[in-house]
Amino acid sequence: MTPAAASGTAGARRSSPWSSKPWHRGGQSIRGWAPSALPDSADSSLVVVISRRRASWAREALWLGVAPVERGDPAFAKVLAVLPDTFGPTAGYRRTLAAQLAALRTAQRPDGFWEVNLADPGHLPGPETSGTAFFTFAMAAAIRSGFVPRGDYLPVAARAWAAMAATAVHPDGFLGYVQNVGDRPESSQPVTYDSTADFGVGAFLLAGTELAALGG
């Protein structure tokens, strides 16, 4: 399946006035997961200990790490494309996005997916479509906006897309391997070929939209 076959129309939502506020979960300020040492960083506010395990949930890292600009918006790269250079935090946000995508580039599984638990690849291993699709979307959008080099990141995004299309898409178009609603890596497990949710389908279509817009 090509990205164009699954693409739609996506837009970035503008907000005014621009603001920069930290996120809070469990009483802690969330600054984004550590981009420099994924998955072993001890200073990441998104690497927590759950049931004696280090955990950095891929989908939460996406919502709150790759997207700290807008309220839960997975389109950090899209928001940064419209943030004015005169807005104080813009340069720092762009550096954060580039660093986070660099970390994801090294953390990608050989098959093209990302793990459910980025901090512990041996915990809940297997394909998971929602986190992978949102990371693919963010990466492709960042390429298109010129925040990261196309030559370095397009192969990563393309490999993720190919993995989802070959592994998660059923012959009738049903999208599987989507972890359903939850609040931690262990939620809605096991994730199987028949697991799906609307936000996973949306993420997959967003990823296809951005990859199709890149062309080539």
C-alpha atoms as a PDB file:
ATOM      1  CA  MET A   1       0.000   0.000   0.000  1.00  0.00           C
ATOM      2  CA  THR A   2       1.370   3.430  -0.928  1.00  0.00           C
ATOM      3  CA  PRO A   3       0.978   6.491   1.312  1.00  0.00           C
ATOM      4  CA  ALA A   4      -1.083   8.155  -1.426  1.00  0.00           C
ATOM      5  CA  ALA A   5      -3.603   5.325  -1.250  1.00  0.00           C
ATOM      6  CA  ALA A   6      -4.224   6.032   2.416  1.00  0.00           C
ATOM      7  CA  SER A   7      -3.829   9.795   2.446  1.00  0.00           C
ATOM      8  CA  GLY A   8      -6.371  12.451   3.256  1.00  0.00           C
ATOM      9  CA  THR A   9      -6.232  16.134   4.107  1.00  0.00           C
ATOM     10  CA  ALA A  10      -4.536  17.259   7.310  1.00  0.00           C
ATOM     11  CA  GLY A  11      -3.960  20.760   8.592  1.00  0.00           C
ATOM     12  CA  ALA A  12      -2.180  22.423  11.474  1.00  0.00           C
ATOM     13  CA  ARG A  13      -4.328  24.258  13.971  1.00  0.00           C
ATOM     14  CA  ARG A  14      -3.157  27.735  14.820  1.00  0.00           C
ATOM     15  CA  SER A  15      -3.643  29.128  18.306  1.00  0.00           C
ATOM     16  CA  SER A  16      -3.360  32.706  19.476  1.00  0.00           C
ATOM     17  CA  PRO A  17      -1.871  34.043  21.581  1.00  0.00           C
ATOM     18  CA  TRP A  18       1.011  31.558  21.601  1.00  0.00           C
ATOM     19  CA  SER A  19       1.705  30.032  24.973  1.00  0.00           C
ATOM     20  CA  SER A  20       4.192  27.633  26.528  1.00  0.00           C
ATOM     21  CA  LYS A  21       3.013  25.622  29.508  1.00  0.00           C
ATOM     22  CA  PRO A  22       4.319  22.363  30.976  1.00  0.00           C
ATOM     23  CA  TRP A  23       2.145  19.276  31.083  1.00  0.00           C
ATOM     24  CA  HIS A  24       1.356  17.530  34.341  1.00  0.00           C
ATOM     25  CA  ARG A  25       0.641  13.871  34.913  1.00  0.00           C
ATOM     26  CA  GLY A  26       0.624  12.211  38.280  1.00  0.00           C
ATOM     27  CA  GLY A  27       1.644  15.480  39.921  1.00  0.00           C
ATOM     28  CA  GLN A  28       4.876  15.752  37.912  1.00  0.00           C
ATOM     29  CA  SER A  29       5.775  18.268  35.266  1.00  0.00           C
ATOM     30  CA  ILE A  30       6.263  16.542  31.930  1.00  0.00           C
ATOM     31  CA  ARG A  31       9.018  18.024  29.810  1.00  0.00           C
ATOM     32  CA  GLY A  32       9.211  15.266  27.198  1.00  0.00           C
ATOM     33  CA  TRP A  33      11.087  12.005  27.270  1.00  0.00           C
ATOM     34  CA  ALA A  34      14.885  12.171  27.239  1.00  0.00           C
ATOM     35  CA  PRO A  35      15.997  12.392  23.623  1.00  0.00           C
ATOM     36  CA  SER A  36      19.727  12.035  24.251  1.00  0.00           C
ATOM     37  CA  ALA A  37      19.835   8.611  25.851  1.00  0.00           C
ATOM     38  CA  LEU A  38      16.670   6.734  24.920  1.00  0.00           C
ATOM     39  CA  PRO A  39      15.952   4.183  26.249  1.00  0.00           C
ATOM     40  CA  ASP A  40      18.364   4.342  29.230  1.00  0.00           C
ATOM     41  CA  SER A  41      18.090   7.894  30.491  1.00  0.00           C
ATOM     42  CA  ALA A  42      17.446   8.224  34.196  1.00  0.00           C
ATOM     43  CA  ASP A  43      16.413  11.881  34.015  1.00  0.00           C
ATOM     44  CA  SER A  44      13.408  11.506  31.753  1.00  0.00           C
ATOM     45  CA  SER A  45      10.111  12.563  33.266  1.00  0.00           C
ATOM     46  CA  LEU A  46       8.373  10.061  30.975  1.00  0.00           C
ATOM     47  CA  VAL A  47      10.514   7.132  32.062  1.00  0.00           C
ATOM     48  CA  VAL A  48       8.712   5.923  35.165  1.00  0.00           C
ATOM     49  CA  VAL A  49       8.744   2.747  37.198  1.00  0.00           C
ATOM     50  CA  ILE A  50       5.578   0.678  36.939  1.00  0.00           C
ATOM     51  CA  SER A  51       5.457  -2.706  38.664  1.00  0.00           C
ATOM     52  CA  ARG A  52       9.236  -2.487  39.145  1.00  0.00           C
ATOM     53  CA  ARG A  53       9.807  -1.904  35.436  1.00  0.00           C
ATOM     54  CA  ARG A  54      11.200   1.133  33.687  1.00  0.00           C
ATOM     55  CA  ALA A  55       8.564   2.315  31.264  1.00  0.00           C
ATOM     56  CA  SER A  56       8.443   4.879  28.492  1.00  0.00           C
ATOM     57  CA  TRP A  57       5.151   4.223  26.752  1.00  0.00           C
ATOM     58  CA  ALA A  58       5.514   4.909  23.041  1.00  0.00           C
ATOM     59  CA  ARG A  59       2.075   6.453  22.642  1.00  0.00           C
ATOM     60  CA  GLU A  60       2.462   8.653  25.741  1.00  0.00           C
ATOM     61  CA  ALA A  61       5.910   9.740  24.575  1.00  0.00           C
ATOM     62  CA  LEU A  62       4.177  10.741  21.367  1.00  0.00           C
ATOM     63  CA  TRP A  63       1.340  12.676  22.987  1.00  0.00           C
ATOM     64  CA  LEU A  64       3.473  14.412  25.604  1.00  0.00           C
ATOM     65  CA  GLY A  65       7.020  14.214  24.342  1.00  0.00           C
ATOM     66  CA  VAL A  66       6.852  14.678  20.602  1.00  0.00           C
ATOM     67  CA  ALA A  67       3.976  17.127  21.095  1.00  0.00           C
ATOM     68  CA  PRO A  68       4.545  19.499  24.032  1.00  0.00           C
ATOM     69  CA  VAL A  69       3.369  22.623  22.206  1.00  0.00           C
ATOM     70  CA  GLU A  70      -0.367  22.114  21.981  1.00  0.00           C
ATOM     71  CA  ARG A  71      -2.832  20.412  24.281  1.00  0.00           C
ATOM     72  CA  GLY A  72      -2.319  16.731  23.529  1.00  0.00           C
ATOM     73  CA  ASP A  73      -1.870  17.487  19.818  1.00  0.00           C
ATOM     74  CA  PRO A  74       0.228  14.819  18.083  1.00  0.00           C
ATOM     75  CA  ALA A  75       1.249  17.345  15.417  1.00  0.00           C
ATOM     76  CA  PHE A  76       4.298  18.936  17.081  1.00  0.00           C
ATOM     77  CA  ALA A  77       6.063  19.269  13.723  1.00  0.00           C
ATOM     78  CA  LYS A  78       2.948  20.800  12.162  1.00  0.00           C
ATOM     79  CA  VAL A  79       2.595  23.302  15.002  1.00  0.00           C
ATOM     80  CA  LEU A  80       6.267  24.259  14.762  1.00  0.00           C
ATOM     81  CA  ALA A  81       5.801  24.952  11.060  1.00  0.00           C
ATOM     82  CA  VAL A  82       3.482  27.853  11.926  1.00  0.00           C
ATOM     83  CA  LEU A  83       5.074  29.078  15.159  1.00  0.00           C
ATOM     84  CA  PRO A  84       6.694  32.469  14.485  1.00  0.00           C
ATOM     85  CA  ASP A  85      10.455  32.759  14.894  1.00  0.00           C
ATOM     86  CA  THR A  86       9.783  35.724  17.172  1.00  0.00           C
ATOM     87  CA  PHE A  87       8.046  33.459  19.713  1.00  0.00           C
ATOM     88  CA  GLY A  88      10.690  32.844  22.369  1.00  0.00           C
ATOM     89  CA  PRO A  89      10.472  29.056  22.777  1.00  0.00           C
ATOM     90  CA  THR A  90      10.308  28.266  19.033  1.00  0.00           C
ATOM     91  CA  ALA A  91      14.023  27.570  18.534  1.00  0.00           C
ATOM     92  CA  GLY A  92      14.145  25.369  21.618  1.00  0.00           C
ATOM     93  CA  TYR A  93      11.070  23.431  20.505  1.00  0.00           C
ATOM     94  CA  ARG A  94      12.659  22.782  17.127  1.00  0.00           C
ATOM     95  CA  ARG A  95      15.842  21.509  18.760  1.00  0.00           C
ATOM     96  CA  THR A  96      13.755  19.280  21.028  1.00  0.00           C
ATOM     97  CA  LEU A  97      11.853  17.814  18.096  1.00  0.00           C
ATOM     98  CA  ALA A  98      15.053  17.099  16.172  1.00  0.00           C
ATOM     99  CA  ALA A  99      16.645  15.443  19.216  1.00  0.00           C
ATOM    100  CA  GLN A 100      13.586  13.321  19.912  1.00  0.00           C
ATOM    101  CA  LEU A 101      13.366  12.142  16.316  1.00  0.00           C
ATOM    102  CA  ALA A 102      17.077  11.311  16.398  1.00  0.00           C
ATOM    103  CA  ALA A 103      16.428   9.133  19.431  1.00  0.00           C
ATOM    104  CA  LEU A 104      13.507   7.420  17.710  1.00  0.00           C
ATOM    105  CA  ARG A 105      15.650   6.769  14.665  1.00  0.00           C
ATOM    106  CA  THR A 106      18.036   4.684  16.760  1.00  0.00           C
ATOM    107  CA  ALA A 107      15.219   3.000  18.708  1.00  0.00           C
ATOM    108  CA  GLN A 108      13.301   1.694  15.686  1.00  0.00           C
ATOM    109  CA  ARG A 109      12.864  -2.074  15.599  1.00  0.00           C
ATOM    110  CA  PRO A 110      14.488  -3.994  12.718  1.00  0.00           C
ATOM    111  CA  ASP A 111      11.008  -4.681  11.299  1.00  0.00           C
ATOM    112  CA  GLY A 112      10.163  -0.951  11.178  1.00  0.00           C
ATOM    113  CA  PHE A 113       7.806  -0.700  14.191  1.00  0.00           C
ATOM    114  CA  TRP A 114       8.578   0.893  17.562  1.00  0.00           C
ATOM    115  CA  GLU A 115       8.096  -0.985  20.814  1.00  0.00           C
ATOM    116  CA  VAL A 116       5.172  -0.342  23.142  1.00  0.00           C
ATOM    117  CA  ASN A 117       7.704   0.316  25.942  1.00  0.00           C
ATOM    118  CA  LEU A 118      10.581   2.356  24.549  1.00  0.00           C
ATOM    119  CA  ALA A 119      12.528   2.032  27.803  1.00  0.00           C
ATOM    120  CA  ASP A 120      12.411  -1.773  27.819  1.00  0.00           C
ATOM    121  CA  PRO A 121      12.315  -3.499  24.413  1.00  0.00           C
ATOM    122  CA  GLY A 122      11.941  -6.874  26.091  1.00  0.00           C
ATOM    123  CA  HIS A 123       8.728  -5.828  27.819  1.00  0.00           C
ATOM    124  CA  LEU A 124       5.578  -6.406  25.734  1.00  0.00           C
ATOM    125  CA  PRO A 125       7.497  -6.923  22.482  1.00  0.00           C
ATOM    126  CA  GLY A 126       5.692  -7.048  19.179  1.00  0.00           C
ATOM    127  CA  PRO A 127       4.197  -4.773  16.528  1.00  0.00           C
ATOM    128  CA  GLU A 128       2.110  -1.794  17.692  1.00  0.00           C
ATOM    129  CA  THR A 129       0.533   0.439  15.106  1.00  0.00           C
ATOM    130  CA  SER A 130      -0.678   3.586  16.890  1.00  0.00           C
ATOM    131  CA  GLY A 131       2.658   4.708  18.334  1.00  0.00           C
ATOM    132  CA  THR A 132       4.463   3.700  15.154  1.00  0.00           C
ATOM    133  CA  ALA A 133       2.005   5.585  12.960  1.00  0.00           C
ATOM    134  CA  PHE A 134       2.165   8.761  15.030  1.00  0.00           C
ATOM    135  CA  PHE A 135       5.979   8.655  15.070  1.00  0.00           C
ATOM    136  CA  THR A 136       5.942   8.165  11.293  1.00  0.00           C
ATOM    137  CA  PHE A 137       3.596  11.127  10.906  1.00  0.00           C
ATOM    138  CA  ALA A 138       5.766  13.367  13.100  1.00  0.00           C
ATOM    139  CA  MET A 139       8.930  12.314  11.279  1.00  0.00           C
ATOM    140  CA  ALA A 140       7.462  12.878   7.814  1.00  0.00           C
ATOM    141  CA  ALA A 141       6.020  16.257   8.836  1.00  0.00           C
ATOM    142  CA  ALA A 142       9.388  17.301  10.265  1.00  0.00           C
ATOM    143  CA  ILE A 143      11.084  16.337   7.007  1.00  0.00           C
ATOM    144  CA  ARG A 144       8.562  18.308   4.993  1.00  0.00           C
ATOM    145  CA  SER A 145       9.069  21.381   7.193  1.00  0.00           C
ATOM    146  CA  GLY A 146      12.854  21.121   6.924  1.00  0.00           C
ATOM    147  CA  PHE A 147      13.460  20.450  10.619  1.00  0.00           C
ATOM    148  CA  VAL A 148      15.389  17.208  10.002  1.00  0.00           C
ATOM    149  CA  PRO A 149      17.371  15.994   6.950  1.00  0.00           C
ATOM    150  CA  ARG A 150      15.313  14.127   4.381  1.00  0.00           C
ATOM    151  CA  GLY A 151      18.137  11.726   3.533  1.00  0.00           C
ATOM    152  CA  ASP A 152      18.503  10.617   7.151  1.00  0.00           C
ATOM    153  CA  TYR A 153      14.853  10.345   8.127  1.00  0.00           C
ATOM    154  CA  LEU A 154      12.827   9.452   5.062  1.00  0.00           C
ATOM    155  CA  PRO A 155      14.201   5.870   5.045  1.00  0.00           C
ATOM    156  CA  VAL A 156      13.151   5.519   8.698  1.00  0.00           C
ATOM    157  CA  ALA A 157       9.623   6.792   8.048  1.00  0.00           C
ATOM    158  CA  ALA A 158       9.318   4.720   4.866  1.00  0.00           C
ATOM    159  CA  ARG A 159      10.438   1.582   6.679  1.00  0.00           C
ATOM    160  CA  ALA A 160       7.806   2.172   9.367  1.00  0.00           C
ATOM    161  CA  TRP A 161       5.101   2.721   6.746  1.00  0.00           C
ATOM    162  CA  ALA A 162       6.074  -0.425   4.863  1.00  0.00           C
ATOM    163  CA  ALA A 163       5.986  -2.425   8.098  1.00  0.00           C
ATOM    164  CA  MET A 164       2.500  -1.209   9.001  1.00  0.00           C
ATOM    165  CA  ALA A 165       1.156  -1.749   5.487  1.00  0.00           C
ATOM    166  CA  ALA A 166       2.562  -5.275   5.282  1.00  0.00           C
ATOM    167  CA  THR A 167       1.876  -6.413   8.848  1.00  0.00           C
ATOM    168  CA  ALA A 168      -1.080  -4.479  10.266  1.00  0.00           C
ATOM    169  CA  VAL A 169      -3.383  -3.894   7.280  1.00  0.00           C
ATOM    170  CA  HIS A 170      -5.801  -6.770   6.660  1.00  0.00           C
ATOM    171  CA  PRO A 171      -6.837  -7.727   3.119  1.00  0.00           C
ATOM    172  CA  ASP A 172     -10.180  -5.936   3.653  1.00  0.00           C
ATOM    173  CA  GLY A 173      -8.500  -2.737   4.911  1.00  0.00           C
ATOM    174  CA  PHE A 174      -9.028  -3.360   8.643  1.00  0.00           C
ATOM    175  CA  LEU A 175      -6.059  -2.017  10.647  1.00  0.00           C
ATOM    176  CA  GLY A 176      -4.683  -4.278  13.361  1.00  0.00           C
ATOM    177  CA  TYR A 177      -2.014  -4.270  16.062  1.00  0.00           C
ATOM    178  CA  VAL A 178      -3.441  -1.065  17.576  1.00  0.00           C
ATOM    179  CA  GLN A 179      -3.121  -0.858  21.352  1.00  0.00           C
ATOM    180  CA  ASN A 180      -6.478   0.287  22.660  1.00  0.00           C
ATOM    181  CA  VAL A 181      -7.275   2.886  25.315  1.00  0.00           C
ATOM    182  CA  GLY A 182      -5.224   2.775  28.504  1.00  0.00           C
ATOM    183  CA  ASP A 183      -2.844   4.659  30.757  1.00  0.00           C
ATOM    184  CA  ARG A 184       0.344   2.581  30.577  1.00  0.00           C
ATOM    185  CA  PRO A 185       2.206   0.078  28.403  1.00  0.00           C
ATOM    186  CA  GLU A 186       0.399  -2.847  30.007  1.00  0.00           C
ATOM    187  CA  SER A 187      -3.043  -1.465  29.161  1.00  0.00           C
ATOM    188  CA  SER A 188      -5.208  -3.280  26.599  1.00  0.00           C
ATOM    189  CA  GLN A 189      -2.768  -6.130  26.240  1.00  0.00           C
ATOM    190  CA  PRO A 190      -2.200  -8.326  24.398  1.00  0.00           C
ATOM    191  CA  VAL A 191      -2.046  -6.315  21.187  1.00  0.00           C
ATOM    192  CA  THR A 192      -2.901  -8.634  18.298  1.00  0.00           C
ATOM    193  CA  TYR A 193      -3.514  -8.688  14.562  1.00  0.00           C
ATOM    194  CA  ASP A 194      -7.207  -8.077  15.338  1.00  0.00           C
ATOM    195  CA  SER A 195      -6.711  -5.216  17.855  1.00  0.00           C
ATOM    196  CA  THR A 196      -7.849  -1.844  16.542  1.00  0.00           C
ATOM    197  CA  ALA A 197      -9.097   1.608  17.605  1.00  0.00           C
ATOM    198  CA  ASP A 198     -10.206   4.694  15.725  1.00  0.00           C
ATOM    199  CA  PHE A 199      -7.226   6.802  16.803  1.00  0.00           C
ATOM    200  CA  GLY A 200      -4.885   4.168  15.354  1.00  0.00           C
ATOM    201  CA  VAL A 201      -6.649   4.371  12.012  1.00  0.00           C
ATOM    202  CA  GLY A 202      -6.444   8.158  12.146  1.00  0.00           C
ATOM    203  CA  ALA A 203      -2.735   8.041  12.947  1.00  0.00           C
ATOM    204  CA  PHE A 204      -2.135   5.662  10.042  1.00  0.00           C
ATOM    205  CA  LEU A 205      -3.965   7.992   7.638  1.00  0.00           C
ATOM    206  CA  LEU A 206      -2.059  11.018   8.939  1.00  0.00           C
ATOM    207  CA  ALA A 207       1.234   9.199   8.389  1.00  0.00           C
ATOM    208  CA  GLY A 208       0.210   8.308   4.844  1.00  0.00           C
ATOM    209  CA  THR A 209      -0.836  11.906   4.166  1.00  0.00           C
ATOM    210  CA  GLU A 210       2.539  13.292   5.188  1.00  0.00           C
ATOM    211  CA  LEU A 211       4.548  10.645   3.334  1.00  0.00           C
ATOM    212  CA  ALA A 212       2.489  11.163   0.186  1.00  0.00           C
ATOM    213  CA  ALA A 213       3.124  14.913   0.393  1.00  0.00           C
ATOM    214  CA  LEU A 214       6.874  14.235   0.428  1.00  0.00           C
ATOM    215  CA  GLY A 215       6.679  12.457  -2.906  1.00  0.00           C
ATOM    216  CA  GLY A 216       9.494  10.310  -4.268  1.00  0.00           C
END
